[in-house]
Amino acid sequence: WARAHAADLRRLAGQISALDDLAPEACPAQTALHTALGAADAAELVAPLTDMRPYLDARHTGLVASLDALEDRRTTKAATDD
């Protein structure tokens, strides 16, 4: 799934990595996401993107919606594969 949606995952990861208005507590998760952007396999972005979700707030509604939509697609795909 991640490989098929690599462009969306990388776009979203890049946008979230570039945020400079997050709480200091988000720094480790944001650093992990930035590191995962350098990985050859887009699947390595899934967990760091999920880990960033709690740090996004009302200022980031577009990013939250994109994250939620990707997660919905991923879990729907996993459920149909069972």
N, C-alpha and C. Protein backbone atom coordinates (compact mmCIF):
# COMPACT_ATOMS: atom_id res chain seq x y z
N TRP A 1 0.82 -1.18 0.00
CA TRP A 1 0.00 0.00 0.00
C TRP A 1 0.87 1.26 0.00
N ALA A 2 1.86 1.29 0.87
CA ALA A 2 2.70 2.49 0.98
C ALA A 2 3.43 2.78 -0.33
N ARG A 3 3.90 1.75 -0.99
CA ARG A 3 4.61 1.97 -2.25
C ARG A 3 3.68 2.55 -3.31
N ALA A 4 2.45 2.10 -3.32
CA ALA A 4 1.47 2.60 -4.28
C ALA A 4 1.08 4.05 -3.99
N HIS A 5 1.23 4.47 -2.75
CA HIS A 5 0.86 5.83 -2.34
C HIS A 5 2.09 6.63 -1.90
N ALA A 6 3.25 6.27 -2.42
CA ALA A 6 4.51 6.89 -2.01
C ALA A 6 4.50 8.41 -2.20
N ALA A 7 3.99 8.88 -3.31
CA ALA A 7 4.00 10.32 -3.57
C ALA A 7 3.18 11.07 -2.53
N ASP A 8 2.00 10.56 -2.20
CA ASP A 8 1.16 11.20 -1.18
C ASP A 8 1.83 11.17 0.18
N LEU A 9 2.41 10.04 0.53
CA LEU A 9 3.08 9.91 1.82
C LEU A 9 4.26 10.87 1.92
N ARG A 10 5.06 10.93 0.88
CA ARG A 10 6.24 11.81 0.89
C ARG A 10 5.84 13.29 0.89
N ARG A 11 4.81 13.63 0.14
CA ARG A 11 4.34 15.02 0.13
C ARG A 11 3.89 15.45 1.52
N LEU A 12 3.08 14.61 2.14
CA LEU A 12 2.57 14.91 3.46
C LEU A 12 3.69 14.95 4.50
N ALA A 13 4.60 14.00 4.41
CA ALA A 13 5.73 13.97 5.34
C ALA A 13 6.59 15.21 5.19
N GLY A 14 6.81 15.65 3.97
CA GLY A 14 7.58 16.87 3.74
C GLY A 14 6.91 18.10 4.33
N GLN A 15 5.60 18.19 4.16
CA GLN A 15 4.86 19.33 4.70
C GLN A 15 4.92 19.35 6.22
N ILE A 16 4.75 18.19 6.84
CA ILE A 16 4.76 18.12 8.30
C ILE A 16 6.17 18.34 8.84
N SER A 17 7.16 17.82 8.15
CA SER A 17 8.55 18.02 8.59
C SER A 17 8.94 19.49 8.57
N ALA A 18 8.34 20.26 7.67
CA ALA A 18 8.69 21.67 7.52
C ALA A 18 7.96 22.58 8.52
N LEU A 19 7.00 22.05 9.26
CA LEU A 19 6.26 22.89 10.21
C LEU A 19 7.20 23.44 11.27
N ASP A 20 7.05 24.72 11.57
CA ASP A 20 7.88 25.32 12.61
C ASP A 20 7.05 25.87 13.77
N ASP A 21 5.78 25.49 13.81
CA ASP A 21 4.90 26.00 14.86
C ASP A 21 4.40 24.90 15.80
N LEU A 22 5.11 23.78 15.86
CA LEU A 22 4.69 22.68 16.72
C LEU A 22 5.26 22.84 18.12
N ALA A 23 4.61 22.21 19.07
CA ALA A 23 5.08 22.23 20.45
C ALA A 23 6.44 21.54 20.53
N PRO A 24 7.27 21.93 21.49
CA PRO A 24 8.59 21.30 21.64
C PRO A 24 8.50 19.78 21.81
N GLU A 25 7.41 19.30 22.38
CA GLU A 25 7.24 17.86 22.58
C GLU A 25 7.18 17.10 21.26
N ALA A 26 6.86 17.79 20.18
CA ALA A 26 6.75 17.15 18.87
C ALA A 26 8.11 16.93 18.20
N CYS A 27 9.14 17.55 18.72
CA CYS A 27 10.45 17.52 18.07
C CYS A 27 10.97 16.11 17.78
N PRO A 28 10.96 15.18 18.74
CA PRO A 28 11.46 13.83 18.43
C PRO A 28 10.66 13.15 17.31
N ALA A 29 9.36 13.28 17.34
CA ALA A 29 8.52 12.67 16.30
C ALA A 29 8.76 13.34 14.95
N GLN A 30 8.92 14.64 14.96
CA GLN A 30 9.16 15.37 13.72
C GLN A 30 10.53 15.00 13.14
N THR A 31 11.53 14.84 14.00
CA THR A 31 12.85 14.42 13.56
C THR A 31 12.80 13.02 12.96
N ALA A 32 12.07 12.12 13.60
CA ALA A 32 11.92 10.75 13.08
C ALA A 32 11.25 10.77 11.71
N LEU A 33 10.26 11.63 11.54
CA LEU A 33 9.58 11.74 10.25
C LEU A 33 10.54 12.27 9.19
N HIS A 34 11.30 13.28 9.54
CA HIS A 34 12.27 13.84 8.61
C HIS A 34 13.29 12.79 8.19
N THR A 35 13.75 12.00 9.14
CA THR A 35 14.70 10.92 8.85
C THR A 35 14.08 9.89 7.92
N ALA A 36 12.82 9.53 8.17
CA ALA A 36 12.14 8.53 7.35
C ALA A 36 11.95 9.01 5.91
N LEU A 37 11.91 10.31 5.71
CA LEU A 37 11.80 10.84 4.34
C LEU A 37 12.98 10.42 3.48
N GLY A 38 14.11 10.18 4.09
CA GLY A 38 15.30 9.77 3.35
C GLY A 38 15.34 8.29 3.02
N ALA A 39 14.42 7.53 3.55
CA ALA A 39 14.41 6.08 3.31
C ALA A 39 13.96 5.79 1.88
N ALA A 40 14.50 4.74 1.32
CA ALA A 40 14.12 4.35 -0.04
C ALA A 40 12.70 3.80 -0.10
N ASP A 41 12.26 3.17 0.99
CA ASP A 41 10.95 2.53 1.02
C ASP A 41 9.94 3.46 1.70
N ALA A 42 8.91 3.85 0.98
CA ALA A 42 7.88 4.75 1.52
C ALA A 42 7.14 4.14 2.70
N ALA A 43 7.18 2.82 2.84
CA ALA A 43 6.52 2.18 3.98
C ALA A 43 7.10 2.65 5.31
N GLU A 44 8.34 3.12 5.28
CA GLU A 44 8.97 3.60 6.51
C GLU A 44 8.39 4.94 6.97
N LEU A 45 7.55 5.55 6.17
CA LEU A 45 6.91 6.82 6.55
C LEU A 45 5.62 6.61 7.34
N VAL A 46 5.02 5.45 7.23
CA VAL A 46 3.69 5.24 7.81
C VAL A 46 3.70 5.45 9.32
N ALA A 47 4.57 4.78 10.04
CA ALA A 47 4.60 4.92 11.51
C ALA A 47 4.96 6.34 11.94
N PRO A 48 6.00 6.96 11.37
CA PRO A 48 6.30 8.34 11.79
C PRO A 48 5.18 9.33 11.49
N LEU A 49 4.48 9.14 10.37
CA LEU A 49 3.34 10.01 10.09
C LEU A 49 2.25 9.82 11.14
N THR A 50 1.97 8.58 11.47
CA THR A 50 0.97 8.28 12.50
C THR A 50 1.38 8.88 13.84
N ASP A 51 2.67 8.82 14.15
CA ASP A 51 3.17 9.37 15.41
C ASP A 51 3.06 10.89 15.49
N MET A 52 2.99 11.56 14.35
CA MET A 52 2.87 13.01 14.34
C MET A 52 1.44 13.49 14.57
N ARG A 53 0.47 12.65 14.33
CA ARG A 53 -0.94 13.04 14.38
C ARG A 53 -1.32 13.76 15.68
N PRO A 54 -0.89 13.28 16.87
CA PRO A 54 -1.30 13.95 18.11
C PRO A 54 -0.76 15.38 18.25
N TYR A 55 0.26 15.73 17.50
CA TYR A 55 0.88 17.05 17.63
C TYR A 55 0.28 18.08 16.69
N LEU A 56 -0.59 17.66 15.80
CA LEU A 56 -1.23 18.58 14.88
C LEU A 56 -2.54 19.07 15.48
N ASP A 57 -2.77 20.37 15.39
CA ASP A 57 -3.95 20.95 16.04
C ASP A 57 -4.78 21.75 15.04
N ALA A 58 -5.60 22.64 15.55
CA ALA A 58 -6.53 23.41 14.71
C ALA A 58 -5.82 24.26 13.66
N ARG A 59 -4.56 24.54 13.86
CA ARG A 59 -3.80 25.30 12.85
C ARG A 59 -3.45 24.45 11.64
N HIS A 60 -3.62 23.14 11.77
CA HIS A 60 -3.16 22.20 10.74
C HIS A 60 -4.31 21.34 10.21
N THR A 61 -5.47 21.91 10.07
CA THR A 61 -6.65 21.11 9.70
C THR A 61 -6.48 20.41 8.35
N GLY A 62 -5.84 21.06 7.40
CA GLY A 62 -5.63 20.44 6.10
C GLY A 62 -4.71 19.23 6.19
N LEU A 63 -3.66 19.35 6.98
CA LEU A 63 -2.74 18.22 7.17
C LEU A 63 -3.42 17.09 7.92
N VAL A 64 -4.20 17.44 8.93
CA VAL A 64 -4.94 16.42 9.69
C VAL A 64 -5.90 15.68 8.77
N ALA A 65 -6.61 16.41 7.94
CA ALA A 65 -7.55 15.77 7.01
C ALA A 65 -6.81 14.85 6.04
N SER A 66 -5.66 15.28 5.55
CA SER A 66 -4.88 14.44 4.64
C SER A 66 -4.37 13.19 5.34
N LEU A 67 -3.88 13.35 6.57
CA LEU A 67 -3.41 12.19 7.35
C LEU A 67 -4.55 11.21 7.59
N ASP A 68 -5.69 11.74 7.99
CA ASP A 68 -6.84 10.88 8.27
C ASP A 68 -7.31 10.15 7.02
N ALA A 69 -7.30 10.85 5.88
CA ALA A 69 -7.73 10.22 4.62
C ALA A 69 -6.77 9.10 4.22
N LEU A 70 -5.48 9.33 4.38
CA LEU A 70 -4.50 8.28 4.06
C LEU A 70 -4.67 7.09 4.99
N GLU A 71 -4.87 7.36 6.26
CA GLU A 71 -5.06 6.26 7.23
C GLU A 71 -6.32 5.48 6.91
N ASP A 72 -7.39 6.18 6.54
CA ASP A 72 -8.63 5.49 6.16
C ASP A 72 -8.41 4.59 4.95
N ARG A 73 -7.68 5.10 3.96
CA ARG A 73 -7.40 4.29 2.76
C ARG A 73 -6.55 3.08 3.11
N ARG A 74 -5.56 3.29 3.99
CA ARG A 74 -4.66 2.20 4.37
C ARG A 74 -5.41 1.12 5.13
N THR A 75 -6.23 1.51 6.10
CA THR A 75 -6.95 0.52 6.90
C THR A 75 -8.05 -0.16 6.09
N THR A 76 -8.67 0.57 5.17
CA THR A 76 -9.67 -0.04 4.29
C THR A 76 -9.02 -1.08 3.40
N LYS A 77 -7.86 -0.75 2.86
CA LYS A 77 -7.12 -1.69 2.00
C LYS A 77 -6.73 -2.92 2.81
N ALA A 78 -6.25 -2.73 4.04
CA ALA A 78 -5.85 -3.86 4.88
C ALA A 78 -7.05 -4.75 5.20
N ALA A 79 -8.21 -4.14 5.44
CA ALA A 79 -9.41 -4.92 5.77
C ALA A 79 -9.89 -5.72 4.56
N THR A 80 -9.77 -5.16 3.37
CA THR A 80 -10.22 -5.89 2.19
C THR A 80 -9.23 -6.97 1.77
N ASP A 81 -8.01 -6.87 2.24
CA ASP A 81 -7.00 -7.89 1.93
C ASP A 81 -7.14 -9.12 2.83
N ASP A 82 -7.88 -9.00 3.92
CA ASP A 82 -8.02 -10.12 4.87
C ASP A 82 -8.88 -11.22 4.36
